[in-house]
Amino acid sequence: MTTQLSRQEQHTAEVIDRQLDAYNQRNIEAFAATYHEDVEIYRFPGGLDYCGKNELIQRYGSKFARLKFLKATSLQRMVQGNILVDHELAESASVNAEQIDERVKVIVAYEVEERLIRRVTFMQG
């Protein structure tokens, strides 16, 4: 059974799609533009990892600069209202862009407010 997304769910998915595109392009400006100034980043089950867009820019900016290749792919997605949960595959290469040296599967829950990502929770086994 296929269900239509509500307008809010469409907007939520669009924000996350923009964020993933910017991540894959290693474009820190476009990536940061999808986040709320007071974004909160959580790691399950540990709790709050850090907060604030400036900290996000610092962490991801150095990651984008350091890696030769970076790609996140949504393997499966659920969206309800302003919450989107992705099962993502993240691949990266630190030495040669043609040679992936890390693959990680993670479940990520995003909460979107006013078309910006307000909270993110990473869950990894």
N, C-alpha and C. Protein backbone atom coordinates (compact mmCIF):
# COMPACT_ATOMS: atom_id res chain seq x y z
N MET A 1 0.84 -1.18 0.00
CA MET A 1 0.00 0.00 0.00
C MET A 1 0.89 1.25 0.00
N THR A 2 0.69 2.12 -0.94
CA THR A 2 1.45 3.36 -1.04
C THR A 2 0.57 4.50 -0.54
N THR A 3 1.14 5.32 0.32
CA THR A 3 0.39 6.46 0.83
C THR A 3 1.05 7.75 0.37
N GLN A 4 0.23 8.74 0.17
CA GLN A 4 0.71 10.06 -0.22
C GLN A 4 1.29 10.77 0.99
N LEU A 5 2.39 11.48 0.78
CA LEU A 5 2.96 12.29 1.85
C LEU A 5 2.16 13.57 1.99
N SER A 6 1.99 14.01 3.22
CA SER A 6 1.35 15.30 3.44
C SER A 6 2.31 16.40 2.99
N ARG A 7 1.83 17.60 2.90
CA ARG A 7 2.68 18.74 2.53
C ARG A 7 3.84 18.87 3.51
N GLN A 8 3.56 18.75 4.82
CA GLN A 8 4.61 18.85 5.83
C GLN A 8 5.66 17.74 5.63
N GLU A 9 5.21 16.53 5.36
CA GLU A 9 6.13 15.42 5.14
C GLU A 9 6.97 15.63 3.89
N GLN A 10 6.38 16.20 2.86
CA GLN A 10 7.14 16.52 1.65
C GLN A 10 8.23 17.54 1.96
N HIS A 11 7.89 18.58 2.73
CA HIS A 11 8.88 19.59 3.10
C HIS A 11 9.99 18.99 3.96
N THR A 12 9.61 18.11 4.87
CA THR A 12 10.60 17.43 5.72
C THR A 12 11.58 16.64 4.85
N ALA A 13 11.06 15.85 3.92
CA ALA A 13 11.91 15.05 3.04
C ALA A 13 12.79 15.93 2.15
N GLU A 14 12.26 17.05 1.69
CA GLU A 14 13.05 17.96 0.85
C GLU A 14 14.25 18.52 1.60
N VAL A 15 14.06 18.87 2.87
CA VAL A 15 15.17 19.40 3.69
C VAL A 15 16.25 18.35 3.83
N ILE A 16 15.86 17.12 4.13
CA ILE A 16 16.85 16.05 4.32
C ILE A 16 17.53 15.71 2.99
N ASP A 17 16.80 15.73 1.90
CA ASP A 17 17.42 15.50 0.59
C ASP A 17 18.46 16.57 0.27
N ARG A 18 18.16 17.83 0.58
CA ARG A 18 19.14 18.92 0.36
C ARG A 18 20.38 18.71 1.23
N GLN A 19 20.14 18.29 2.47
CA GLN A 19 21.24 18.04 3.40
C GLN A 19 22.13 16.91 2.87
N LEU A 20 21.53 15.82 2.42
CA LEU A 20 22.30 14.69 1.89
C LEU A 20 23.08 15.08 0.64
N ASP A 21 22.45 15.84 -0.23
CA ASP A 21 23.15 16.30 -1.45
C ASP A 21 24.37 17.14 -1.08
N ALA A 22 24.21 18.06 -0.16
CA ALA A 22 25.33 18.91 0.26
C ALA A 22 26.43 18.09 0.93
N TYR A 23 26.03 17.12 1.74
CA TYR A 23 26.99 16.21 2.39
C TYR A 23 27.80 15.47 1.33
N ASN A 24 27.10 14.92 0.34
CA ASN A 24 27.78 14.15 -0.71
C ASN A 24 28.69 15.00 -1.57
N GLN A 25 28.39 16.28 -1.67
CA GLN A 25 29.24 17.22 -2.42
C GLN A 25 30.34 17.82 -1.54
N ARG A 26 30.30 17.50 -0.25
CA ARG A 26 31.24 18.05 0.74
C ARG A 26 31.20 19.58 0.71
N ASN A 27 29.99 20.12 0.59
CA ASN A 27 29.77 21.56 0.52
C ASN A 27 29.30 22.04 1.89
N ILE A 28 30.21 22.52 2.69
CA ILE A 28 29.89 22.86 4.08
C ILE A 28 28.88 24.00 4.17
N GLU A 29 28.93 24.96 3.25
CA GLU A 29 27.98 26.08 3.30
C GLU A 29 26.55 25.59 3.04
N ALA A 30 26.37 24.80 1.99
CA ALA A 30 25.04 24.28 1.67
C ALA A 30 24.56 23.30 2.75
N PHE A 31 25.47 22.50 3.28
CA PHE A 31 25.15 21.55 4.34
C PHE A 31 24.66 22.30 5.59
N ALA A 32 25.43 23.27 6.04
CA ALA A 32 25.08 24.04 7.24
C ALA A 32 23.78 24.81 7.05
N ALA A 33 23.48 25.22 5.83
CA ALA A 33 22.26 25.99 5.56
C ALA A 33 20.99 25.20 5.82
N THR A 34 21.10 23.88 5.94
CA THR A 34 19.92 23.06 6.21
C THR A 34 19.65 22.89 7.70
N TYR A 35 20.54 23.44 8.54
CA TYR A 35 20.45 23.25 9.99
C TYR A 35 20.02 24.52 10.72
N HIS A 36 19.30 24.32 11.79
CA HIS A 36 18.88 25.37 12.71
C HIS A 36 20.10 25.88 13.48
N GLU A 37 20.12 27.15 13.85
CA GLU A 37 21.24 27.72 14.61
C GLU A 37 21.51 26.96 15.90
N ASP A 38 20.46 26.47 16.53
CA ASP A 38 20.59 25.77 17.81
C ASP A 38 20.42 24.25 17.66
N VAL A 39 20.88 23.70 16.54
CA VAL A 39 20.74 22.27 16.28
C VAL A 39 21.34 21.46 17.42
N GLU A 40 20.69 20.34 17.71
CA GLU A 40 21.17 19.41 18.74
C GLU A 40 21.47 18.08 18.06
N ILE A 41 22.68 17.55 18.31
CA ILE A 41 23.11 16.29 17.72
C ILE A 41 23.26 15.27 18.85
N TYR A 42 22.51 14.18 18.73
CA TYR A 42 22.51 13.13 19.74
C TYR A 42 23.12 11.85 19.18
N ARG A 43 23.70 11.06 20.06
CA ARG A 43 24.17 9.71 19.75
C ARG A 43 23.43 8.77 20.70
N PHE A 44 22.69 7.84 20.13
CA PHE A 44 21.96 6.88 20.95
C PHE A 44 22.88 5.72 21.29
N PRO A 45 22.95 5.27 22.52
CA PRO A 45 22.15 5.68 23.67
C PRO A 45 22.83 6.72 24.53
N GLY A 46 23.93 7.30 24.08
CA GLY A 46 24.73 8.19 24.91
C GLY A 46 24.14 9.54 25.24
N GLY A 47 23.23 10.04 24.43
CA GLY A 47 22.63 11.34 24.70
C GLY A 47 23.21 12.44 23.83
N LEU A 48 23.11 13.66 24.32
CA LEU A 48 23.54 14.84 23.56
C LEU A 48 25.05 14.78 23.30
N ASP A 49 25.42 14.88 22.02
CA ASP A 49 26.83 14.87 21.62
C ASP A 49 27.35 16.31 21.56
N TYR A 50 26.61 17.18 20.86
CA TYR A 50 26.96 18.59 20.81
C TYR A 50 25.76 19.37 20.29
N CYS A 51 25.84 20.70 20.39
CA CYS A 51 24.77 21.53 19.88
C CYS A 51 25.34 22.80 19.26
N GLY A 52 24.55 23.40 18.38
CA GLY A 52 24.91 24.65 17.74
C GLY A 52 25.48 24.47 16.34
N LYS A 53 25.06 25.36 15.46
CA LYS A 53 25.50 25.30 14.07
C LYS A 53 27.00 25.53 13.94
N ASN A 54 27.57 26.40 14.77
CA ASN A 54 29.01 26.66 14.68
C ASN A 54 29.82 25.40 14.94
N GLU A 55 29.43 24.64 15.94
CA GLU A 55 30.12 23.37 16.25
C GLU A 55 29.94 22.38 15.10
N LEU A 56 28.74 22.33 14.53
CA LEU A 56 28.47 21.45 13.39
C LEU A 56 29.37 21.81 12.22
N ILE A 57 29.50 23.10 11.93
CA ILE A 57 30.35 23.56 10.82
C ILE A 57 31.80 23.17 11.07
N GLN A 58 32.26 23.35 12.29
CA GLN A 58 33.65 23.00 12.61
C GLN A 58 33.89 21.50 12.42
N ARG A 59 33.01 20.68 12.94
CA ARG A 59 33.19 19.22 12.86
C ARG A 59 33.08 18.71 11.43
N TYR A 60 32.01 19.10 10.73
CA TYR A 60 31.81 18.59 9.38
C TYR A 60 32.74 19.27 8.39
N GLY A 61 33.07 20.53 8.62
CA GLY A 61 34.00 21.23 7.73
C GLY A 61 35.35 20.54 7.68
N SER A 62 35.86 20.14 8.83
CA SER A 62 37.16 19.44 8.85
C SER A 62 37.03 18.05 8.23
N LYS A 63 35.91 17.39 8.43
CA LYS A 63 35.67 16.07 7.82
C LYS A 63 35.62 16.19 6.30
N PHE A 64 34.89 17.19 5.81
CA PHE A 64 34.78 17.39 4.36
C PHE A 64 36.14 17.69 3.74
N ALA A 65 36.94 18.49 4.42
CA ALA A 65 38.26 18.86 3.91
C ALA A 65 39.23 17.68 3.95
N ARG A 66 39.13 16.84 4.96
CA ARG A 66 40.08 15.74 5.17
C ARG A 66 39.84 14.57 4.22
N LEU A 67 38.58 14.24 3.95
CA LEU A 67 38.26 13.05 3.15
C LEU A 67 38.31 13.34 1.65
N LYS A 68 38.74 12.33 0.90
CA LYS A 68 38.82 12.45 -0.56
C LYS A 68 37.50 12.12 -1.24
N PHE A 69 36.67 11.33 -0.54
CA PHE A 69 35.36 10.93 -1.06
C PHE A 69 34.44 10.73 0.12
N LEU A 70 33.19 11.12 -0.05
CA LEU A 70 32.20 11.00 1.02
C LEU A 70 30.83 10.87 0.37
N LYS A 71 30.10 9.84 0.77
CA LYS A 71 28.76 9.66 0.21
C LYS A 71 27.86 8.98 1.22
N ALA A 72 26.68 9.54 1.42
CA ALA A 72 25.65 8.93 2.24
C ALA A 72 24.46 8.63 1.33
N THR A 73 23.92 7.43 1.49
CA THR A 73 22.79 6.99 0.68
C THR A 73 21.69 6.52 1.61
N SER A 74 20.47 6.97 1.34
CA SER A 74 19.32 6.51 2.11
C SER A 74 18.91 5.14 1.57
N LEU A 75 18.99 4.12 2.43
CA LEU A 75 18.61 2.76 2.04
C LEU A 75 17.12 2.53 2.25
N GLN A 76 16.60 3.15 3.29
CA GLN A 76 15.18 3.02 3.61
C GLN A 76 14.77 4.26 4.39
N ARG A 77 13.56 4.72 4.15
CA ARG A 77 13.12 5.99 4.74
C ARG A 77 11.69 5.89 5.24
N MET A 78 11.46 6.53 6.39
CA MET A 78 10.11 6.70 6.93
C MET A 78 9.96 8.17 7.28
N VAL A 79 8.81 8.73 6.99
CA VAL A 79 8.57 10.13 7.34
C VAL A 79 7.16 10.25 7.88
N GLN A 80 7.06 10.98 8.99
CA GLN A 80 5.75 11.28 9.58
C GLN A 80 5.82 12.68 10.13
N GLY A 81 5.01 13.56 9.56
CA GLY A 81 5.01 14.96 9.99
C GLY A 81 6.38 15.57 9.78
N ASN A 82 6.96 16.09 10.86
CA ASN A 82 8.27 16.76 10.76
C ASN A 82 9.42 15.84 11.18
N ILE A 83 9.16 14.54 11.29
CA ILE A 83 10.18 13.56 11.68
C ILE A 83 10.48 12.67 10.47
N LEU A 84 11.76 12.50 10.20
CA LEU A 84 12.19 11.60 9.14
C LEU A 84 13.25 10.67 9.71
N VAL A 85 13.09 9.37 9.46
CA VAL A 85 14.06 8.38 9.89
C VAL A 85 14.62 7.70 8.66
N ASP A 86 15.93 7.76 8.52
CA ASP A 86 16.63 7.13 7.40
C ASP A 86 17.51 6.00 7.91
N HIS A 87 17.55 4.91 7.16
CA HIS A 87 18.60 3.90 7.34
C HIS A 87 19.61 4.25 6.24
N GLU A 88 20.78 4.71 6.65
CA GLU A 88 21.75 5.25 5.69
C GLU A 88 23.00 4.40 5.64
N LEU A 89 23.59 4.38 4.46
CA LEU A 89 24.91 3.81 4.25
C LEU A 89 25.84 4.98 3.98
N ALA A 90 26.86 5.12 4.83
CA ALA A 90 27.86 6.19 4.65
C ALA A 90 29.17 5.54 4.21
N GLU A 91 29.71 6.05 3.11
CA GLU A 91 30.98 5.54 2.58
C GLU A 91 31.96 6.69 2.50
N SER A 92 33.23 6.38 2.77
CA SER A 92 34.24 7.43 2.68
C SER A 92 35.57 6.85 2.25
N ALA A 93 36.41 7.74 1.74
CA ALA A 93 37.77 7.39 1.33
C ALA A 93 38.69 8.47 1.87
N SER A 94 39.70 8.06 2.60
CA SER A 94 40.60 9.04 3.21
C SER A 94 41.89 9.25 2.42
N VAL A 95 42.26 8.31 1.56
CA VAL A 95 43.53 8.41 0.83
C VAL A 95 43.30 8.62 -0.66
N ASN A 96 42.46 7.77 -1.25
CA ASN A 96 42.23 7.78 -2.69
C ASN A 96 40.72 7.78 -2.93
N ALA A 97 40.24 8.76 -3.69
CA ALA A 97 38.80 8.90 -3.93
C ALA A 97 38.21 7.67 -4.61
N GLU A 98 39.04 6.87 -5.26
CA GLU A 98 38.58 5.68 -5.97
C GLU A 98 38.54 4.44 -5.08
N GLN A 99 39.03 4.56 -3.85
CA GLN A 99 39.13 3.39 -2.98
C GLN A 99 38.43 3.67 -1.64
N ILE A 100 37.21 3.15 -1.50
CA ILE A 100 36.44 3.31 -0.27
C ILE A 100 37.15 2.56 0.85
N ASP A 101 37.44 3.23 1.95
CA ASP A 101 38.10 2.54 3.05
C ASP A 101 37.23 2.46 4.31
N GLU A 102 36.02 3.02 4.24
CA GLU A 102 35.10 2.87 5.38
C GLU A 102 33.66 2.86 4.88
N ARG A 103 32.90 1.89 5.39
CA ARG A 103 31.47 1.79 5.12
C ARG A 103 30.78 1.60 6.47
N VAL A 104 29.78 2.43 6.71
CA VAL A 104 29.05 2.37 7.98
C VAL A 104 27.56 2.48 7.69
N LYS A 105 26.77 1.59 8.31
CA LYS A 105 25.32 1.71 8.25
C LYS A 105 24.87 2.32 9.56
N VAL A 106 23.96 3.27 9.45
CA VAL A 106 23.47 3.98 10.62
C VAL A 106 21.99 4.33 10.43
N ILE A 107 21.27 4.34 11.52
CA ILE A 107 19.90 4.83 11.51
C ILE A 107 19.96 6.26 12.03
N VAL A 108 19.35 7.17 11.29
CA VAL A 108 19.39 8.58 11.66
C VAL A 108 17.96 9.11 11.73
N ALA A 109 17.62 9.73 12.86
CA ALA A 109 16.31 10.36 13.03
C ALA A 109 16.52 11.87 12.98
N TYR A 110 15.81 12.52 12.08
CA TYR A 110 15.88 13.97 11.91
C TYR A 110 14.56 14.59 12.36
N GLU A 111 14.65 15.71 13.06
CA GLU A 111 13.46 16.49 13.40
C GLU A 111 13.62 17.85 12.74
N VAL A 112 12.65 18.22 11.92
CA VAL A 112 12.71 19.46 11.15
C VAL A 112 11.73 20.47 11.74
N GLU A 113 12.20 21.69 11.96
CA GLU A 113 11.37 22.80 12.42
C GLU A 113 11.59 23.98 11.48
N GLU A 114 10.53 24.54 10.98
CA GLU A 114 10.61 25.72 10.11
C GLU A 114 11.60 25.50 8.97
N ARG A 115 11.53 24.30 8.37
CA ARG A 115 12.34 23.91 7.22
C ARG A 115 13.84 23.86 7.49
N LEU A 116 14.20 23.67 8.76
CA LEU A 116 15.59 23.50 9.16
C LEU A 116 15.69 22.30 10.09
N ILE A 117 16.81 21.61 10.03
CA ILE A 117 17.02 20.45 10.90
C ILE A 117 17.32 20.96 12.31
N ARG A 118 16.47 20.57 13.24
CA ARG A 118 16.58 21.05 14.63
C ARG A 118 17.27 20.03 15.53
N ARG A 119 16.96 18.74 15.31
CA ARG A 119 17.56 17.67 16.11
C ARG A 119 17.90 16.50 15.21
N VAL A 120 19.04 15.85 15.52
CA VAL A 120 19.47 14.65 14.82
C VAL A 120 19.89 13.63 15.87
N THR A 121 19.43 12.39 15.70
CA THR A 121 19.87 11.32 16.58
C THR A 121 20.44 10.20 15.71
N PHE A 122 21.72 9.88 15.97
CA PHE A 122 22.40 8.80 15.27
C PHE A 122 22.32 7.53 16.12
N MET A 123 21.92 6.43 15.48
CA MET A 123 21.84 5.14 16.16
C MET A 123 22.65 4.14 15.35
N GLN A 124 23.66 3.58 15.99
CA GLN A 124 24.54 2.67 15.29
C GLN A 124 24.82 1.48 16.19
N GLY A 125 24.71 0.27 15.64
CA GLY A 125 24.94 -0.94 16.42
C GLY A 125 26.40 -1.27 16.59
